[in-house]
Amino acid sequence: MRIGIAMFYHESHSFVPYKTDISNFEDYGYYETTALYDAFKKTKTELGGFIDTLESYSNVEIVPILCAAAIPSGIVTDNAYTKIEHRMLELLNQVGKLDGLL
């Protein structure tokens, strides 16, 4: 089985006077493909838990796709959301058929 792993995470606050742009994600927690795997393996995080659990199954191929995370701050800009969404969908199309997606 091929299981993809992806995450888009942000805690937005409307009272924060600035918006969260793509650079905030890139500076804090933006990883693609194997960089995602390397950054989160053996961590006590959602993605780390996915990786560590899936590795315990011999019939599972882990397919890391994309992680975009930024620290809690202002509302995400349309530009940042669109870029992350486009790239995540692009990578999903590139990896081929998946049996599941976390």
PDB file of N, CA and C in Angstrom:
ATOM      1  N   MET A   1       0.830  -1.184   0.000  1.00  0.00           N
ATOM      2  CA  MET A   1       0.000   0.000   0.000  1.00  0.00           C
ATOM      3  C   MET A   1       0.873   1.246   0.000  1.00  0.00           C
ATOM      4  N   ARG A   2       0.408   2.255  -0.702  1.00  0.00           N
ATOM      5  CA  ARG A   2       1.104   3.553  -0.754  1.00  0.00           C
ATOM      6  C   ARG A   2       0.242   4.583  -0.016  1.00  0.00           C
ATOM      7  N   ILE A   3       0.817   5.135   1.051  1.00  0.00           N
ATOM      8  CA  ILE A   3       0.100   6.101   1.868  1.00  0.00           C
ATOM      9  C   ILE A   3       0.836   7.442   1.805  1.00  0.00           C
ATOM     10  N   GLY A   4       0.129   8.472   1.341  1.00  0.00           N
ATOM     11  CA  GLY A   4       0.690   9.814   1.271  1.00  0.00           C
ATOM     12  C   GLY A   4       0.524  10.555   2.585  1.00  0.00           C
ATOM     13  N   ILE A   5       1.466  11.449   2.854  1.00  0.00           N
ATOM     14  CA  ILE A   5       1.415  12.279   4.058  1.00  0.00           C
ATOM     15  C   ILE A   5       1.556  13.733   3.637  1.00  0.00           C
ATOM     16  N   ALA A   6       0.605  14.551   4.083  1.00  0.00           N
ATOM     17  CA  ALA A   6       0.631  15.981   3.778  1.00  0.00           C
ATOM     18  C   ALA A   6      -0.016  16.759   4.921  1.00  0.00           C
ATOM     19  N   MET A   7       0.367  18.028   5.080  1.00  0.00           N
ATOM     20  CA  MET A   7      -0.229  18.843   6.127  1.00  0.00           C
ATOM     21  C   MET A   7      -0.167  20.323   5.751  1.00  0.00           C
ATOM     22  N   PHE A   8      -1.274  21.009   6.004  1.00  0.00           N
ATOM     23  CA  PHE A   8      -1.335  22.475   5.922  1.00  0.00           C
ATOM     24  C   PHE A   8      -1.851  22.930   7.271  1.00  0.00           C
ATOM     25  N   TYR A   9      -1.012  23.631   8.027  1.00  0.00           N
ATOM     26  CA  TYR A   9      -1.355  23.964   9.395  1.00  0.00           C
ATOM     27  C   TYR A   9      -1.090  25.434   9.679  1.00  0.00           C
ATOM     28  N   HIS A  10      -2.111  26.096  10.218  1.00  0.00           N
ATOM     29  CA  HIS A  10      -1.936  27.459  10.705  1.00  0.00           C
ATOM     30  C   HIS A  10      -3.069  27.828  11.636  1.00  0.00           C
ATOM     31  N   GLU A  11      -2.720  28.452  12.747  1.00  0.00           N
ATOM     32  CA  GLU A  11      -3.698  28.991  13.690  1.00  0.00           C
ATOM     33  C   GLU A  11      -3.797  30.486  13.411  1.00  0.00           C
ATOM     34  N   SER A  12      -4.886  30.898  12.787  1.00  0.00           N
ATOM     35  CA  SER A  12      -5.064  32.297  12.379  1.00  0.00           C
ATOM     36  C   SER A  12      -5.830  33.086  13.438  1.00  0.00           C
ATOM     37  N   HIS A  13      -5.382  34.320  13.632  1.00  0.00           N
ATOM     38  CA  HIS A  13      -6.042  35.227  14.583  1.00  0.00           C
ATOM     39  C   HIS A  13      -6.412  36.525  13.867  1.00  0.00           C
ATOM     40  N   SER A  14      -7.686  36.828  13.847  1.00  0.00           N
ATOM     41  CA  SER A  14      -8.144  38.032  13.136  1.00  0.00           C
ATOM     42  C   SER A  14      -7.719  39.323  13.826  1.00  0.00           C
ATOM     43  N   PHE A  15      -7.367  39.268  15.097  1.00  0.00           N
ATOM     44  CA  PHE A  15      -6.958  40.475  15.809  1.00  0.00           C
ATOM     45  C   PHE A  15      -5.489  40.842  15.606  1.00  0.00           C
ATOM     46  N   VAL A  16      -4.707  39.968  15.004  1.00  0.00           N
ATOM     47  CA  VAL A  16      -3.302  40.262  14.714  1.00  0.00           C
ATOM     48  C   VAL A  16      -3.257  41.246  13.549  1.00  0.00           C
ATOM     49  N   PRO A  17      -2.492  42.328  13.671  1.00  0.00           N
ATOM     50  CA  PRO A  17      -2.543  43.397  12.662  1.00  0.00           C
ATOM     51  C   PRO A  17      -1.855  43.087  11.322  1.00  0.00           C
ATOM     52  N   TYR A  18      -1.131  41.991  11.230  1.00  0.00           N
ATOM     53  CA  TYR A  18      -0.484  41.650   9.960  1.00  0.00           C
ATOM     54  C   TYR A  18      -0.983  40.287   9.487  1.00  0.00           C
ATOM     55  N   LYS A  19      -0.793  40.038   8.212  1.00  0.00           N
ATOM     56  CA  LYS A  19      -1.232  38.764   7.628  1.00  0.00           C
ATOM     57  C   LYS A  19      -0.058  37.802   7.522  1.00  0.00           C
ATOM     58  N   THR A  20      -0.384  36.532   7.398  1.00  0.00           N
ATOM     59  CA  THR A  20       0.630  35.485   7.263  1.00  0.00           C
ATOM     60  C   THR A  20       0.813  35.179   5.789  1.00  0.00           C
ATOM     61  N   ASP A  21       2.033  35.426   5.289  1.00  0.00           N
ATOM     62  CA  ASP A  21       2.328  35.221   3.870  1.00  0.00           C
ATOM     63  C   ASP A  21       3.168  33.959   3.693  1.00  0.00           C
ATOM     64  N   ILE A  22       3.455  33.648   2.464  1.00  0.00           N
ATOM     65  CA  ILE A  22       4.192  32.418   2.135  1.00  0.00           C
ATOM     66  C   ILE A  22       5.553  32.379   2.838  1.00  0.00           C
ATOM     67  N   SER A  23       6.201  33.524   3.009  1.00  0.00           N
ATOM     68  CA  SER A  23       7.513  33.554   3.667  1.00  0.00           C
ATOM     69  C   SER A  23       7.426  33.078   5.112  1.00  0.00           C
ATOM     70  N   ASN A  24       6.302  33.313   5.787  1.00  0.00           N
ATOM     71  CA  ASN A  24       6.136  32.825   7.156  1.00  0.00           C
ATOM     72  C   ASN A  24       6.116  31.305   7.200  1.00  0.00           C
ATOM     73  N   PHE A  25       5.517  30.677   6.206  1.00  0.00           N
ATOM     74  CA  PHE A  25       5.520  29.220   6.123  1.00  0.00           C
ATOM     75  C   PHE A  25       6.919  28.718   5.786  1.00  0.00           C
ATOM     76  N   GLU A  26       7.561  29.341   4.813  1.00  0.00           N
ATOM     77  CA  GLU A  26       8.898  28.910   4.386  1.00  0.00           C
ATOM     78  C   GLU A  26       9.916  29.070   5.509  1.00  0.00           C
ATOM     79  N   ASP A  27       9.777  30.117   6.314  1.00  0.00           N
ATOM     80  CA  ASP A  27      10.722  30.359   7.410  1.00  0.00           C
ATOM     81  C   ASP A  27      10.514  29.416   8.584  1.00  0.00           C
ATOM     82  N   TYR A  28       9.302  28.906   8.746  1.00  0.00           N
ATOM     83  CA  TYR A  28       8.997  28.118   9.936  1.00  0.00           C
ATOM     84  C   TYR A  28       8.888  26.609   9.675  1.00  0.00           C
ATOM     85  N   GLY A  29       8.088  26.217   8.684  1.00  0.00           N
ATOM     86  CA  GLY A  29       7.845  24.789   8.541  1.00  0.00           C
ATOM     87  C   GLY A  29       7.343  24.377   7.175  1.00  0.00           C
ATOM     88  N   TYR A  30       8.127  24.623   6.155  1.00  0.00           N
ATOM     89  CA  TYR A  30       7.739  24.231   4.798  1.00  0.00           C
ATOM     90  C   TYR A  30       8.698  23.159   4.315  1.00  0.00           C
ATOM     91  N   TYR A  31       8.154  21.956   4.076  1.00  0.00           N
ATOM     92  CA  TYR A  31       8.967  20.819   3.634  1.00  0.00           C
ATOM     93  C   TYR A  31       8.257  20.082   2.512  1.00  0.00           C
ATOM     94  N   GLU A  32       9.019  19.648   1.537  1.00  0.00           N
ATOM     95  CA  GLU A  32       8.468  18.839   0.449  1.00  0.00           C
ATOM     96  C   GLU A  32       9.187  17.494   0.405  1.00  0.00           C
ATOM     97  N   THR A  33       8.456  16.489   0.031  1.00  0.00           N
ATOM     98  CA  THR A  33       8.906  15.117  -0.227  1.00  0.00           C
ATOM     99  C   THR A  33       9.838  14.596   0.874  1.00  0.00           C
ATOM    100  N   THR A  34      11.042  14.179   0.535  1.00  0.00           N
ATOM    101  CA  THR A  34      11.917  13.546   1.521  1.00  0.00           C
ATOM    102  C   THR A  34      12.324  14.496   2.642  1.00  0.00           C
ATOM    103  N   ALA A  35      12.341  15.794   2.395  1.00  0.00           N
ATOM    104  CA  ALA A  35      12.650  16.750   3.465  1.00  0.00           C
ATOM    105  C   ALA A  35      11.590  16.679   4.562  1.00  0.00           C
ATOM    106  N   LEU A  36      10.338  16.444   4.190  1.00  0.00           N
ATOM    107  CA  LEU A  36       9.263  16.262   5.171  1.00  0.00           C
ATOM    108  C   LEU A  36       9.560  15.034   6.024  1.00  0.00           C
ATOM    109  N   TYR A  37       9.883  13.946   5.381  1.00  0.00           N
ATOM    110  CA  TYR A  37      10.188  12.691   6.080  1.00  0.00           C
ATOM    111  C   TYR A  37      11.346  12.892   7.053  1.00  0.00           C
ATOM    112  N   ASP A  38      12.420  13.502   6.570  1.00  0.00           N
ATOM    113  CA  ASP A  38      13.609  13.704   7.402  1.00  0.00           C
ATOM    114  C   ASP A  38      13.333  14.636   8.584  1.00  0.00           C
ATOM    115  N   ALA A  39      12.516  15.648   8.382  1.00  0.00           N
ATOM    116  CA  ALA A  39      12.236  16.629   9.434  1.00  0.00           C
ATOM    117  C   ALA A  39      11.339  16.074  10.539  1.00  0.00           C
ATOM    118  N   PHE A  40      10.464  15.134  10.220  1.00  0.00           N
ATOM    119  CA  PHE A  40       9.452  14.712  11.182  1.00  0.00           C
ATOM    120  C   PHE A  40       9.592  13.295  11.721  1.00  0.00           C
ATOM    121  N   LYS A  41      10.442  12.479  11.126  1.00  0.00           N
ATOM    122  CA  LYS A  41      10.628  11.116  11.628  1.00  0.00           C
ATOM    123  C   LYS A  41      11.115  11.181  13.077  1.00  0.00           C
ATOM    124  N   LYS A  42      10.507  10.360  13.924  1.00  0.00           N
ATOM    125  CA  LYS A  42      10.873  10.260  15.344  1.00  0.00           C
ATOM    126  C   LYS A  42      10.622  11.556  16.121  1.00  0.00           C
ATOM    127  N   THR A  43       9.658  12.346  15.680  1.00  0.00           N
ATOM    128  CA  THR A  43       9.258  13.531  16.448  1.00  0.00           C
ATOM    129  C   THR A  43       7.886  13.255  17.049  1.00  0.00           C
ATOM    130  N   LYS A  44       7.590  13.907  18.106  1.00  0.00           N
ATOM    131  CA  LYS A  44       6.286  13.730  18.757  1.00  0.00           C
ATOM    132  C   LYS A  44       5.314  14.770  18.206  1.00  0.00           C
ATOM    133  N   THR A  45       5.026  14.611  16.914  1.00  0.00           N
ATOM    134  CA  THR A  45       4.124  15.507  16.192  1.00  0.00           C
ATOM    135  C   THR A  45       3.122  14.655  15.414  1.00  0.00           C
ATOM    136  N   GLU A  46       2.142  15.306  14.817  1.00  0.00           N
ATOM    137  CA  GLU A  46       1.180  14.569  13.999  1.00  0.00           C
ATOM    138  C   GLU A  46       1.884  13.824  12.870  1.00  0.00           C
ATOM    139  N   LEU A  47       2.720  14.537  12.125  1.00  0.00           N
ATOM    140  CA  LEU A  47       3.409  13.902  11.000  1.00  0.00           C
ATOM    141  C   LEU A  47       4.390  12.836  11.481  1.00  0.00           C
ATOM    142  N   GLY A  48       5.076  13.107  12.571  1.00  0.00           N
ATOM    143  CA  GLY A  48       5.986  12.115  13.135  1.00  0.00           C
ATOM    144  C   GLY A  48       5.248  10.851  13.547  1.00  0.00           C
ATOM    145  N   GLY A  49       4.073  11.017  14.124  1.00  0.00           N
ATOM    146  CA  GLY A  49       3.258   9.866  14.502  1.00  0.00           C
ATOM    147  C   GLY A  49       2.809   9.061  13.301  1.00  0.00           C
ATOM    148  N   PHE A  50       2.413   9.762  12.238  1.00  0.00           N
ATOM    149  CA  PHE A  50       2.032   9.072  11.000  1.00  0.00           C
ATOM    150  C   PHE A  50       3.209   8.236  10.487  1.00  0.00           C
ATOM    151  N   ILE A  51       4.375   8.868  10.398  1.00  0.00           N
ATOM    152  CA  ILE A  51       5.561   8.197   9.858  1.00  0.00           C
ATOM    153  C   ILE A  51       5.938   6.999  10.730  1.00  0.00           C
ATOM    154  N   ASP A  52       6.059   7.233  12.028  1.00  0.00           N
ATOM    155  CA  ASP A  52       6.488   6.165  12.927  1.00  0.00           C
ATOM    156  C   ASP A  52       5.515   4.990  12.924  1.00  0.00           C
ATOM    157  N   THR A  53       4.225   5.269  12.893  1.00  0.00           N
ATOM    158  CA  THR A  53       3.232   4.192  12.866  1.00  0.00           C
ATOM    159  C   THR A  53       3.276   3.435  11.549  1.00  0.00           C
ATOM    160  N   LEU A  54       3.317   4.177  10.433  1.00  0.00           N
ATOM    161  CA  LEU A  54       3.331   3.512   9.128  1.00  0.00           C
ATOM    162  C   LEU A  54       4.585   2.665   8.930  1.00  0.00           C
ATOM    163  N   GLU A  55       5.704   3.095   9.515  1.00  0.00           N
ATOM    164  CA  GLU A  55       6.938   2.312   9.389  1.00  0.00           C
ATOM    165  C   GLU A  55       6.844   0.953  10.074  1.00  0.00           C
ATOM    166  N   SER A  56       5.905   0.782  10.972  1.00  0.00           N
ATOM    167  CA  SER A  56       5.770  -0.510  11.653  1.00  0.00           C
ATOM    168  C   SER A  56       5.066  -1.552  10.780  1.00  0.00           C
ATOM    169  N   TYR A  57       4.562  -1.150   9.618  1.00  0.00           N
ATOM    170  CA  TYR A  57       3.897  -2.070   8.693  1.00  0.00           C
ATOM    171  C   TYR A  57       4.820  -2.360   7.511  1.00  0.00           C
ATOM    172  N   SER A  58       5.080  -3.620   7.264  1.00  0.00           N
ATOM    173  CA  SER A  58       6.004  -3.991   6.186  1.00  0.00           C
ATOM    174  C   SER A  58       5.400  -3.796   4.798  1.00  0.00           C
ATOM    175  N   ASN A  59       4.090  -3.712   4.714  1.00  0.00           N
ATOM    176  CA  ASN A  59       3.453  -3.603   3.396  1.00  0.00           C
ATOM    177  C   ASN A  59       3.067  -2.173   3.031  1.00  0.00           C
ATOM    178  N   VAL A  60       3.630  -1.179   3.729  1.00  0.00           N
ATOM    179  CA  VAL A  60       3.269   0.215   3.477  1.00  0.00           C
ATOM    180  C   VAL A  60       4.472   0.983   2.938  1.00  0.00           C
ATOM    181  N   GLU A  61       4.234   1.685   1.842  1.00  0.00           N
ATOM    182  CA  GLU A  61       5.220   2.636   1.322  1.00  0.00           C
ATOM    183  C   GLU A  61       4.747   4.030   1.739  1.00  0.00           C
ATOM    184  N   ILE A  62       5.599   4.730   2.478  1.00  0.00           N
ATOM    185  CA  ILE A  62       5.281   6.090   2.905  1.00  0.00           C
ATOM    186  C   ILE A  62       5.649   7.045   1.782  1.00  0.00           C
ATOM    187  N   VAL A  63       4.688   7.885   1.389  1.00  0.00           N
ATOM    188  CA  VAL A  63       4.902   8.851   0.309  1.00  0.00           C
ATOM    189  C   VAL A  63       4.756  10.259   0.893  1.00  0.00           C
ATOM    190  N   PRO A  64       5.883  10.864   1.343  1.00  0.00           N
ATOM    191  CA  PRO A  64       5.792  12.211   1.890  1.00  0.00           C
ATOM    192  C   PRO A  64       5.541  13.221   0.769  1.00  0.00           C
ATOM    193  N   ILE A  65       4.592  14.118   0.995  1.00  0.00           N
ATOM    194  CA  ILE A  65       4.192  15.046  -0.062  1.00  0.00           C
ATOM    195  C   ILE A  65       4.578  16.473   0.289  1.00  0.00           C
ATOM    196  N   LEU A  66       3.903  17.069   1.258  1.00  0.00           N
ATOM    197  CA  LEU A  66       4.179  18.465   1.580  1.00  0.00           C
ATOM    198  C   LEU A  66       3.702  18.778   2.985  1.00  0.00           C
ATOM    199  N   CYS A  67       4.477  19.587   3.689  1.00  0.00           N
ATOM    200  CA  CYS A  67       4.067  20.158   4.976  1.00  0.00           C
ATOM    201  C   CYS A  67       4.243  21.663   4.868  1.00  0.00           C
ATOM    202  N   ALA A  68       3.192  22.396   5.169  1.00  0.00           N
ATOM    203  CA  ALA A  68       3.258  23.856   5.239  1.00  0.00           C
ATOM    204  C   ALA A  68       2.681  24.273   6.583  1.00  0.00           C
ATOM    205  N   ALA A  69       3.539  24.768   7.469  1.00  0.00           N
ATOM    206  CA  ALA A  69       3.106  25.180   8.799  1.00  0.00           C
ATOM    207  C   ALA A  69       3.750  26.526   9.130  1.00  0.00           C
ATOM    208  N   ALA A  70       2.996  27.359   9.826  1.00  0.00           N
ATOM    209  CA  ALA A  70       3.508  28.648  10.283  1.00  0.00           C
ATOM    210  C   ALA A  70       3.062  28.856  11.720  1.00  0.00           C
ATOM    211  N   ILE A  71       3.809  29.672  12.452  1.00  0.00           N
ATOM    212  CA  ILE A  71       3.438  29.926  13.840  1.00  0.00           C
ATOM    213  C   ILE A  71       2.115  30.693  13.884  1.00  0.00           C
ATOM    214  N   PRO A  72       1.359  30.561  14.961  1.00  0.00           N
ATOM    215  CA  PRO A  72       0.101  31.298  15.071  1.00  0.00           C
ATOM    216  C   PRO A  72       0.330  32.793  14.855  1.00  0.00           C
ATOM    217  N   SER A  73      -0.491  33.363  14.000  1.00  0.00           N
ATOM    218  CA  SER A  73      -0.351  34.779  13.654  1.00  0.00           C
ATOM    219  C   SER A  73      -1.592  35.220  12.903  1.00  0.00           C
ATOM    220  N   GLY A  74      -1.457  36.265  12.086  1.00  0.00           N
ATOM    221  CA  GLY A  74      -2.600  36.809  11.368  1.00  0.00           C
ATOM    222  C   GLY A  74      -3.147  35.873  10.302  1.00  0.00           C
ATOM    223  N   ILE A  75      -4.229  36.292   9.728  1.00  0.00           N
ATOM    224  CA  ILE A  75      -4.922  35.524   8.686  1.00  0.00           C
ATOM    225  C   ILE A  75      -3.975  35.243   7.519  1.00  0.00           C
ATOM    226  N   VAL A  76      -4.064  34.057   6.962  1.00  0.00           N
ATOM    227  CA  VAL A  76      -3.233  33.653   5.821  1.00  0.00           C
ATOM    228  C   VAL A  76      -3.678  34.429   4.583  1.00  0.00           C
ATOM    229  N   THR A  77      -2.701  34.947   3.844  1.00  0.00           N
ATOM    230  CA  THR A  77      -3.034  35.687   2.628  1.00  0.00           C
ATOM    231  C   THR A  77      -3.567  34.746   1.561  1.00  0.00           C
ATOM    232  N   ASP A  78      -4.357  35.298   0.670  1.00  0.00           N
ATOM    233  CA  ASP A  78      -4.861  34.499  -0.458  1.00  0.00           C
ATOM    234  C   ASP A  78      -3.703  33.945  -1.273  1.00  0.00           C
ATOM    235  N   ASN A  79      -2.670  34.768  -1.460  1.00  0.00           N
ATOM    236  CA  ASN A  79      -1.506  34.348  -2.242  1.00  0.00           C
ATOM    237  C   ASN A  79      -0.822  33.138  -1.615  1.00  0.00           C
ATOM    238  N   ALA A  80      -0.611  33.175  -0.303  1.00  0.00           N
ATOM    239  CA  ALA A  80       0.049  32.052   0.378  1.00  0.00           C
ATOM    240  C   ALA A  80      -0.799  30.792   0.270  1.00  0.00           C
ATOM    241  N   TYR A  81      -2.087  30.924   0.543  1.00  0.00           N
ATOM    242  CA  TYR A  81      -2.973  29.761   0.473  1.00  0.00           C
ATOM    243  C   TYR A  81      -2.973  29.162  -0.932  1.00  0.00           C
ATOM    244  N   THR A  82      -3.073  30.013  -1.931  1.00  0.00           N
ATOM    245  CA  THR A  82      -3.113  29.544  -3.317  1.00  0.00           C
ATOM    246  C   THR A  82      -1.819  28.837  -3.698  1.00  0.00           C
ATOM    247  N   LYS A  83      -0.679  29.400  -3.301  1.00  0.00           N
ATOM    248  CA  LYS A  83       0.607  28.766  -3.616  1.00  0.00           C
ATOM    249  C   LYS A  83       0.739  27.396  -2.955  1.00  0.00           C
ATOM    250  N   ILE A  84       0.357  27.310  -1.689  1.00  0.00           N
ATOM    251  CA  ILE A  84       0.454  26.036  -0.973  1.00  0.00           C
ATOM    252  C   ILE A  84      -0.510  25.012  -1.572  1.00  0.00           C
ATOM    253  N   GLU A  85      -1.730  25.437  -1.816  1.00  0.00           N
ATOM    254  CA  GLU A  85      -2.725  24.540  -2.407  1.00  0.00           C
ATOM    255  C   GLU A  85      -2.260  24.029  -3.775  1.00  0.00           C
ATOM    256  N   HIS A  86      -1.770  24.938  -4.607  1.00  0.00           N
ATOM    257  CA  HIS A  86      -1.316  24.558  -5.953  1.00  0.00           C
ATOM    258  C   HIS A  86      -0.163  23.555  -5.870  1.00  0.00           C
ATOM    259  N   ARG A  87       0.804  23.831  -5.001  1.00  0.00           N
ATOM    260  CA  ARG A  87       1.963  22.955  -4.908  1.00  0.00           C
ATOM    261  C   ARG A  87       1.579  21.588  -4.339  1.00  0.00           C
ATOM    262  N   MET A  88       0.693  21.580  -3.341  1.00  0.00           N
ATOM    263  CA  MET A  88       0.268  20.304  -2.769  1.00  0.00           C
ATOM    264  C   MET A  88      -0.450  19.451  -3.819  1.00  0.00           C
ATOM    265  N   LEU A  89      -1.339  20.061  -4.572  1.00  0.00           N
ATOM    266  CA  LEU A  89      -2.050  19.327  -5.629  1.00  0.00           C
ATOM    267  C   LEU A  89      -1.101  18.881  -6.732  1.00  0.00           C
ATOM    268  N   GLU A  90      -0.129  19.721  -7.068  1.00  0.00           N
ATOM    269  CA  GLU A  90       0.866  19.365  -8.073  1.00  0.00           C
ATOM    270  C   GLU A  90       1.665  18.137  -7.631  1.00  0.00           C
ATOM    271  N   LEU A  91       2.125  18.140  -6.384  1.00  0.00           N
ATOM    272  CA  LEU A  91       2.887  17.000  -5.874  1.00  0.00           C
ATOM    273  C   LEU A  91       2.019  15.748  -5.774  1.00  0.00           C
ATOM    274  N   LEU A  92       0.770  15.906  -5.363  1.00  0.00           N
ATOM    275  CA  LEU A  92      -0.140  14.754  -5.322  1.00  0.00           C
ATOM    276  C   LEU A  92      -0.292  14.122  -6.699  1.00  0.00           C
ATOM    277  N   ASN A  93      -0.391  14.934  -7.717  1.00  0.00           N
ATOM    278  CA  ASN A  93      -0.491  14.413  -9.090  1.00  0.00           C
ATOM    279  C   ASN A  93       0.789  13.717  -9.529  1.00  0.00           C
ATOM    280  N   GLN A  94       1.942  14.211  -9.053  1.00  0.00           N
ATOM    281  CA  GLN A  94       3.225  13.638  -9.451  1.00  0.00           C
ATOM    282  C   GLN A  94       3.498  12.274  -8.817  1.00  0.00           C
ATOM    283  N   VAL A  95       2.991  12.043  -7.620  1.00  0.00           N
ATOM    284  CA  VAL A  95       3.340  10.796  -6.918  1.00  0.00           C
ATOM    285  C   VAL A  95       2.558   9.581  -7.416  1.00  0.00           C
ATOM    286  N   GLY A  96       1.526   9.809  -8.182  1.00  0.00           N
ATOM    287  CA  GLY A  96       0.762   8.692  -8.722  1.00  0.00           C
ATOM    288  C   GLY A  96      -0.282   8.181  -7.748  1.00  0.00           C
ATOM    289  N   LYS A  97      -0.759   6.984  -8.025  1.00  0.00           N
ATOM    290  CA  LYS A  97      -1.870   6.401  -7.263  1.00  0.00           C
ATOM    291  C   LYS A  97      -1.468   6.169  -5.806  1.00  0.00           C
ATOM    292  N   LEU A  98      -2.343   6.611  -4.910  1.00  0.00           N
ATOM    293  CA  LEU A  98      -2.184   6.363  -3.482  1.00  0.00           C
ATOM    294  C   LEU A  98      -3.347   5.518  -2.990  1.00  0.00           C
ATOM    295  N   ASP A  99      -3.099   4.726  -1.974  1.00  0.00           N
ATOM    296  CA  ASP A  99      -4.153   3.947  -1.342  1.00  0.00           C
ATOM    297  C   ASP A  99      -4.781   4.692  -0.171  1.00  0.00           C
ATOM    298  N   GLY A 100      -4.112   5.733   0.282  1.00  0.00           N
ATOM    299  CA  GLY A 100      -4.624   6.538   1.382  1.00  0.00           C
ATOM    300  C   GLY A 100      -3.814   7.808   1.512  1.00  0.00           C
ATOM    301  N   LEU A 101      -4.371   8.766   2.239  1.00  0.00           N
ATOM    302  CA  LEU A 101      -3.706  10.053   2.435  1.00  0.00           C
ATOM    303  C   LEU A 101      -3.961  10.522   3.863  1.00  0.00           C
ATOM    304  N   LEU A 102      -2.890  10.781   4.578  1.00  0.00           N
ATOM    305  CA  LEU A 102      -2.996  11.324   5.917  1.00  0.00           C
ATOM    306  C   LEU A 102      -2.652  12.807   5.849  1.00  0.00           C
TER     307      LEU A 102
END
